[in-house]
C-alpha atoms as a PDB file:
ATOM      1  CA  MET A   1     136.901-104.477 206.866  1.00  0.00           C
ATOM      2  CA  THR A   2     133.321-104.385 208.181  1.00  0.00           C
ATOM      3  CA  SER A   3     131.671-107.332 209.855  1.00  0.00           C
ATOM      4  CA  THR A   4     127.933-107.817 209.349  1.00  0.00           C
ATOM      5  CA  ARG A   5     126.735-109.888 212.231  1.00  0.00           C
ATOM      6  CA  ALA A   6     123.343-111.550 211.879  1.00  0.00           C
ATOM      7  CA  PRO A   7     120.627-110.320 214.262  1.00  0.00           C
ATOM      8  CA  TYR A   8     120.764-111.814 217.749  1.00  0.00           C
ATOM      9  CA  PRO A   9     118.313-111.737 220.677  1.00  0.00           C
ATOM     10  CA  THR A  10     118.694-108.863 223.111  1.00  0.00           C
ATOM     11  CA  LYS A  11     115.741-109.835 225.320  1.00  0.00           C
ATOM     12  CA  VAL A  12     113.572-112.957 225.625  1.00  0.00           C
ATOM     13  CA  ARG A  13     110.241-112.861 227.473  1.00  0.00           C
ATOM     14  CA  SER A  14     108.253-115.938 228.425  1.00  0.00           C
ATOM     15  CA  PRO A  15     106.401-115.453 231.706  1.00  0.00           C
ATOM     16  CA  ARG A  16     105.295-118.540 233.611  1.00  0.00           C
ATOM     17  CA  GLY A  17     102.053-119.826 232.106  1.00  0.00           C
ATOM     18  CA  ALA A  18     102.546-117.959 228.814  1.00  0.00           C
ATOM     19  CA  VAL A  19     101.496-119.565 225.526  1.00  0.00           C
ATOM     20  CA  ALA A  20     104.118-117.667 223.527  1.00  0.00           C
ATOM     21  CA  THR A  21     107.633-116.313 223.898  1.00  0.00           C
ATOM     22  CA  GLU A  22     108.608-112.873 222.609  1.00  0.00           C
ATOM     23  CA  VAL A  23     112.107-112.093 221.379  1.00  0.00           C
ATOM     24  CA  ASP A  24     113.597-108.636 220.860  1.00  0.00           C
ATOM     25  CA  TRP A  25     116.393-108.646 218.273  1.00  0.00           C
ATOM     26  CA  SER A  26     119.507-106.526 217.860  1.00  0.00           C
ATOM     27  CA  ASP A  27     118.107-104.996 214.653  1.00  0.00           C
ATOM     28  CA  GLY A  28     115.028-103.656 216.482  1.00  0.00           C
ATOM     29  CA  LYS A  29     112.578-106.341 215.342  1.00  0.00           C
ATOM     30  CA  THR A  30     110.405-108.251 217.842  1.00  0.00           C
ATOM     31  CA  THR A  31     109.140-111.741 217.034  1.00  0.00           C
ATOM     32  CA  ARG A  32     106.427-113.738 218.777  1.00  0.00           C
ATOM     33  CA  HIS A  33     106.813-117.523 219.056  1.00  0.00           C
ATOM     34  CA  PRO A  34     103.735-119.551 220.021  1.00  0.00           C
ATOM     35  CA  HIS A  35     104.898-122.473 222.137  1.00  0.00           C
ATOM     36  CA  ARG A  36     102.955-124.912 219.960  1.00  0.00           C
ATOM     37  CA  ILE A  37     105.191-123.910 217.033  1.00  0.00           C
ATOM     38  CA  LEU A  38     108.424-124.007 219.059  1.00  0.00           C
ATOM     39  CA  ARG A  39     107.575-127.480 220.375  1.00  0.00           C
ATOM     40  CA  GLY A  40     106.113-128.663 217.075  1.00  0.00           C
ATOM     41  CA  LEU A  41     109.327-127.796 215.256  1.00  0.00           C
ATOM     42  CA  CYS A  42     111.694-128.831 218.034  1.00  0.00           C
ATOM     43  CA  PRO A  43     115.070-129.563 216.435  1.00  0.00           C
ATOM     44  CA  CYS A  44     116.245-132.172 218.963  1.00  0.00           C
ATOM     45  CA  ALA A  45     117.167-135.706 217.897  1.00  0.00           C
ATOM     46  CA  LYS A  46     114.422-137.217 220.077  1.00  0.00           C
ATOM     47  CA  CYS A  47     111.756-135.298 218.148  1.00  0.00           C
ATOM     48  CA  GLN A  48     113.383-135.428 214.717  1.00  0.00           C
ATOM     49  CA  GLY A  49     115.488-138.584 214.620  1.00  0.00           C
ATOM     50  CA  HIS A  50     118.711-138.620 212.655  1.00  0.00           C
ATOM     51  CA  ASP A  51     117.659-139.443 209.109  1.00  0.00           C
ATOM     52  CA  HIS A  52     115.943-136.315 207.782  1.00  0.00           C
ATOM     53  CA  GLY A  53     115.559-132.586 208.308  1.00  0.00           C
ATOM     54  CA  ILE A  54     113.203-130.894 210.729  1.00  0.00           C
ATOM     55  CA  ARG A  55     109.548-131.809 210.347  1.00  0.00           C
ATOM     56  CA  TRP A  56     106.372-130.975 212.286  1.00  0.00           C
ATOM     57  CA  VAL A  57     105.869-133.145 215.398  1.00  0.00           C
ATOM     58  CA  GLU A  58     102.210-134.170 215.128  1.00  0.00           C
ATOM     59  CA  ALA A  59     101.931-135.101 218.823  1.00  0.00           C
ATOM     60  CA  VAL A  60     101.983-131.367 219.575  1.00  0.00           C
ATOM     61  CA  GLU A  61      98.556-130.989 217.969  1.00  0.00           C
ATOM     62  CA  THR A  62      96.973-132.695 220.999  1.00  0.00           C
ATOM     63  CA  ALA A  63      99.592-131.610 223.531  1.00  0.00           C
ATOM     64  CA  SER A  64      98.730-130.891 227.138  1.00  0.00           C
ATOM     65  CA  ASN A  65      99.367-127.470 228.657  1.00  0.00           C
ATOM     66  CA  LEU A  66     102.336-129.015 230.491  1.00  0.00           C
ATOM     67  CA  MET A  67     103.970-129.956 227.171  1.00  0.00           C
ATOM     68  CA  LEU A  68     103.574-126.387 225.946  1.00  0.00           C
ATOM     69  CA  GLU A  69     104.798-124.470 228.993  1.00  0.00           C
ATOM     70  CA  LEU A  70     108.417-123.365 229.040  1.00  0.00           C
ATOM     71  CA  ASN A  71     110.269-123.954 232.281  1.00  0.00           C
ATOM     72  CA  HIS A  72     113.675-122.579 231.353  1.00  0.00           C
ATOM     73  CA  ILE A  73     115.433-120.721 228.529  1.00  0.00           C
ATOM     74  CA  GLU A  74     119.218-120.885 228.427  1.00  0.00           C
ATOM     75  CA  GLN A  75     121.630-119.099 226.135  1.00  0.00           C
ATOM     76  CA  MET A  76     123.961-121.547 224.392  1.00  0.00           C
ATOM     77  CA  GLY A  77     127.163-119.697 223.601  1.00  0.00           C
ATOM     78  CA  ASN A  78     126.738-116.844 221.148  1.00  0.00           C
ATOM     79  CA  TYR A  79     124.619-118.720 218.639  1.00  0.00           C
ATOM     80  CA  ALA A  80     121.532-120.376 220.164  1.00  0.00           C
ATOM     81  CA  VAL A  81     119.087-120.877 223.003  1.00  0.00           C
ATOM     82  CA  GLY A  82     118.127-124.133 224.659  1.00  0.00           C
ATOM     83  CA  LEU A  83     114.552-124.663 225.813  1.00  0.00           C
ATOM     84  CA  THR A  84     113.378-126.850 228.684  1.00  0.00           C
ATOM     85  CA  TRP A  85     109.651-127.573 228.839  1.00  0.00           C
ATOM     86  CA  ALA A  86     107.568-128.102 231.983  1.00  0.00           C
ATOM     87  CA  ASP A  87     107.168-131.817 231.172  1.00  0.00           C
ATOM     88  CA  GLY A  88     110.972-132.198 231.330  1.00  0.00           C
ATOM     89  CA  HIS A  89     111.632-132.297 227.578  1.00  0.00           C
ATOM     90  CA  SER A  90     114.851-130.541 226.608  1.00  0.00           C
ATOM     91  CA  GLY A  91     117.666-130.953 224.151  1.00  0.00           C
ATOM     92  CA  GLY A  92     116.341-128.738 221.398  1.00  0.00           C
ATOM     93  CA  ILE A  93     118.954-126.132 220.517  1.00  0.00           C
ATOM     94  CA  TYR A  94     117.392-123.295 218.557  1.00  0.00           C
ATOM     95  CA  THR A  95     120.065-121.345 216.708  1.00  0.00           C
ATOM     96  CA  PHE A  96     119.401-117.625 216.537  1.00  0.00           C
ATOM     97  CA  GLU A  97     118.929-117.988 212.766  1.00  0.00           C
ATOM     98  CA  TYR A  98     116.371-120.801 213.210  1.00  0.00           C
ATOM     99  CA  LEU A  99     114.554-118.954 216.005  1.00  0.00           C
ATOM    100  CA  ARG A 100     114.314-115.856 213.828  1.00  0.00           C
ATOM    101  CA  GLU A 101     112.940-117.953 210.960  1.00  0.00           C
ATOM    102  CA  LEU A 102     110.297-119.511 213.235  1.00  0.00           C
ATOM    103  CA  GLY A 103     109.155-116.011 214.164  1.00  0.00           C
ATOM    104  CA  ARG A 104     107.574-115.589 210.731  1.00  0.00           C
ATOM    105  CA  LEU A 105     105.335-118.659 211.222  1.00  0.00           C
ATOM    106  CA  GLU A 106     103.135-117.238 214.008  1.00  0.00           C
ATOM    107  CA  ALA A 107      99.965-116.893 211.908  1.00  0.00           C
ATOM    108  CA  TRP A 108     100.474-119.968 209.724  1.00  0.00           C
ATOM    109  CA  PRO A 109      97.588-122.459 209.650  1.00  0.00           C
ATOM    110  CA  LEU A 110      98.226-126.008 210.841  1.00  0.00           C
ATOM    111  CA  GLU A 111      98.304-127.495 207.332  1.00  0.00           C
ATOM    112  CA  HIS A 112     101.137-125.120 206.391  1.00  0.00           C
ATOM    113  CA  LEU A 113     103.053-125.925 209.575  1.00  0.00           C
ATOM    114  CA  ARG A 114     102.778-129.640 208.770  1.00  0.00           C
ATOM    115  CA  ALA A 115     104.366-129.007 205.355  1.00  0.00           C
ATOM    116  CA  TYR A 116     106.994-126.518 206.557  1.00  0.00           C
ATOM    117  CA  ARG A 117     110.685-127.314 206.042  1.00  0.00           C
ATOM    118  CA  PRO A 118     113.320-124.915 207.376  1.00  0.00           C
ATOM    119  CA  ARG A 119     115.729-123.267 204.972  1.00  0.00           C
ATOM    120  CA  GLN A 120     118.928-125.229 204.697  1.00  0.00           C
END
């Protein structure tokens, strides 16, 4: 029996002061994640509440550089990464599947990001 494991990150790069994080995946693909998108679609309960799916966080549209700078990236088991931002915000757990999906949004205009809903 053959197991087909979904792609997973092999390397994550986000130098201090960067405006985007790059992820190399086990299938050879590299995705680029602007911090405005990662923060704007933060999956944590503080950003999203408990009563609906993930939606764009409009406060990110006028965010300071501090809100958009990553301080720490931590692997969460074998399924996700946790991000801590320079302003202290944390709690968003980005599954590898969700992170990979966000990688396709890099060039999306703001009006499309506002309407975006992740696949369920």
